[in-house]
Amino acid sequence: MSSKLTDCDNLVVGVRQAKRLLSERNVSKAYIAKDADPYITDPIIKKLKKLDIETEMVPSKKELGKMCKIDVDAAIAVIKKN
């Protein structure tokens, strides 16, 4: 697991943006925090599986936020296709 996702130019952080990119089928990989609310993440995880998109689980929202180099917790981050 990359401790820094910011090396990727196509990093998008946040549930709303992730949902939009998924609906456009424009995601190559996703990172989801294990401690995020299942009400939020379960529908996204189902869509990721349906679209056969690689998904990596991260131990916590705090850790995912740090990986994305943001000062807040993050439930989901995705890599946008080129």
C-alpha atoms as a PDB file:
ATOM      1  CA  MET A   1       0.000   0.000   0.000  1.00  0.00           C
ATOM      2  CA  SER A   2       1.298   3.410  -0.892  1.00  0.00           C
ATOM      3  CA  SER A   3       1.740   5.639   2.104  1.00  0.00           C
ATOM      4  CA  LYS A   4       1.381   8.630  -0.194  1.00  0.00           C
ATOM      5  CA  LEU A   5      -1.261   8.749  -2.873  1.00  0.00           C
ATOM      6  CA  THR A   6      -0.492  12.332  -3.789  1.00  0.00           C
ATOM      7  CA  ASP A   7       2.192  11.145  -6.206  1.00  0.00           C
ATOM      8  CA  CYS A   8      -0.719  10.285  -8.471  1.00  0.00           C
ATOM      9  CA  ASP A   9      -1.980  13.236 -10.531  1.00  0.00           C
ATOM     10  CA  ASN A  10      -5.446  11.735 -10.863  1.00  0.00           C
ATOM     11  CA  LEU A  11      -6.294  11.383  -7.163  1.00  0.00           C
ATOM     12  CA  VAL A  12      -9.847  12.347  -6.227  1.00  0.00           C
ATOM     13  CA  VAL A  13     -10.896  12.374  -2.571  1.00  0.00           C
ATOM     14  CA  GLY A  14     -14.454  12.294  -1.278  1.00  0.00           C
ATOM     15  CA  VAL A  15     -17.658  10.331  -1.525  1.00  0.00           C
ATOM     16  CA  ARG A  16     -19.554  12.683  -3.836  1.00  0.00           C
ATOM     17  CA  GLN A  17     -16.717  12.941  -6.351  1.00  0.00           C
ATOM     18  CA  ALA A  18     -16.106   9.177  -6.216  1.00  0.00           C
ATOM     19  CA  LYS A  19     -19.781   8.462  -6.936  1.00  0.00           C
ATOM     20  CA  ARG A  20     -19.740  10.838  -9.897  1.00  0.00           C
ATOM     21  CA  LEU A  21     -16.618   9.261 -11.388  1.00  0.00           C
ATOM     22  CA  LEU A  22     -18.021   5.760 -10.825  1.00  0.00           C
ATOM     23  CA  SER A  23     -21.229   6.680 -12.629  1.00  0.00           C
ATOM     24  CA  GLU A  24     -19.036   7.871 -15.524  1.00  0.00           C
ATOM     25  CA  ARG A  25     -16.995   4.631 -15.286  1.00  0.00           C
ATOM     26  CA  ASN A  26     -13.920   6.756 -14.944  1.00  0.00           C
ATOM     27  CA  VAL A  27     -12.159   5.078 -11.973  1.00  0.00           C
ATOM     28  CA  SER A  28      -9.097   2.829 -12.215  1.00  0.00           C
ATOM     29  CA  LYS A  29      -8.606   2.093  -8.481  1.00  0.00           C
ATOM     30  CA  ALA A  30     -10.300   2.914  -5.181  1.00  0.00           C
ATOM     31  CA  TYR A  31      -9.182   3.193  -1.571  1.00  0.00           C
ATOM     32  CA  ILE A  32     -11.798   2.811   1.160  1.00  0.00           C
ATOM     33  CA  ALA A  33     -11.387   3.325   4.897  1.00  0.00           C
ATOM     34  CA  LYS A  34     -12.468   0.268   6.902  1.00  0.00           C
ATOM     35  CA  ASP A  35     -13.894   2.428   9.700  1.00  0.00           C
ATOM     36  CA  ALA A  36     -16.058   4.555   7.381  1.00  0.00           C
ATOM     37  CA  ASP A  37     -19.829   4.333   7.809  1.00  0.00           C
ATOM     38  CA  PRO A  38     -21.095   1.250   5.903  1.00  0.00           C
ATOM     39  CA  TYR A  39     -24.199   3.247   4.947  1.00  0.00           C
ATOM     40  CA  ILE A  40     -21.877   5.389   2.845  1.00  0.00           C
ATOM     41  CA  THR A  41     -19.340   2.848   1.636  1.00  0.00           C
ATOM     42  CA  ASP A  42     -21.424  -0.289   0.980  1.00  0.00           C
ATOM     43  CA  PRO A  43     -23.178   1.043  -2.154  1.00  0.00           C
ATOM     44  CA  ILE A  44     -19.830   2.265  -3.488  1.00  0.00           C
ATOM     45  CA  ILE A  45     -18.147  -1.076  -2.778  1.00  0.00           C
ATOM     46  CA  LYS A  46     -20.973  -2.909  -4.600  1.00  0.00           C
ATOM     47  CA  LYS A  47     -20.528  -0.645  -7.626  1.00  0.00           C
ATOM     48  CA  LEU A  48     -16.744  -1.147  -7.564  1.00  0.00           C
ATOM     49  CA  LYS A  49     -17.210  -4.933  -7.536  1.00  0.00           C
ATOM     50  CA  LYS A  50     -19.789  -4.769 -10.313  1.00  0.00           C
ATOM     51  CA  LEU A  51     -17.391  -2.732 -12.468  1.00  0.00           C
ATOM     52  CA  ASP A  52     -14.447  -4.966 -11.454  1.00  0.00           C
ATOM     53  CA  ILE A  53     -12.390  -2.035 -10.185  1.00  0.00           C
ATOM     54  CA  GLU A  54      -9.418  -2.766  -7.946  1.00  0.00           C
ATOM     55  CA  THR A  55     -10.209  -1.732  -4.370  1.00  0.00           C
ATOM     56  CA  GLU A  56      -7.802  -1.408  -1.482  1.00  0.00           C
ATOM     57  CA  MET A  57      -9.059  -1.232   2.086  1.00  0.00           C
ATOM     58  CA  VAL A  58      -7.227   1.186   4.389  1.00  0.00           C
ATOM     59  CA  PRO A  59      -7.363   0.656   8.174  1.00  0.00           C
ATOM     60  CA  SER A  60      -8.887   4.048   9.035  1.00  0.00           C
ATOM     61  CA  LYS A  61     -10.291   7.304   7.684  1.00  0.00           C
ATOM     62  CA  LYS A  62      -7.497   9.134   9.486  1.00  0.00           C
ATOM     63  CA  GLU A  63      -4.846   7.028   7.734  1.00  0.00           C
ATOM     64  CA  LEU A  64      -6.503   7.482   4.333  1.00  0.00           C
ATOM     65  CA  GLY A  65      -6.592  11.244   4.901  1.00  0.00           C
ATOM     66  CA  LYS A  66      -2.864  11.172   5.703  1.00  0.00           C
ATOM     67  CA  MET A  67      -2.173   9.060   2.592  1.00  0.00           C
ATOM     68  CA  CYS A  68      -3.971  11.713   0.533  1.00  0.00           C
ATOM     69  CA  LYS A  69      -2.026  14.476   2.328  1.00  0.00           C
ATOM     70  CA  ILE A  70      -5.158  16.239   3.537  1.00  0.00           C
ATOM     71  CA  ASP A  71      -5.794  17.572   7.032  1.00  0.00           C
ATOM     72  CA  VAL A  72      -9.111  15.778   7.467  1.00  0.00           C
ATOM     73  CA  ASP A  73     -10.236  12.169   7.537  1.00  0.00           C
ATOM     74  CA  ALA A  74     -11.279  10.557   4.253  1.00  0.00           C
ATOM     75  CA  ALA A  75     -13.744   7.705   3.727  1.00  0.00           C
ATOM     76  CA  ILE A  76     -12.856   7.128   0.077  1.00  0.00           C
ATOM     77  CA  ALA A  77     -10.304   8.156  -2.511  1.00  0.00           C
ATOM     78  CA  VAL A  78     -10.210   7.073  -6.133  1.00  0.00           C
ATOM     79  CA  ILE A  79      -7.728   7.202  -8.954  1.00  0.00           C
ATOM     80  CA  LYS A  80      -9.315   8.719 -12.042  1.00  0.00           C
ATOM     81  CA  LYS A  81      -8.567   7.030 -15.358  1.00  0.00           C
ATOM     82  CA  ASN A  82      -6.244   8.936 -17.698  1.00  0.00           C
END
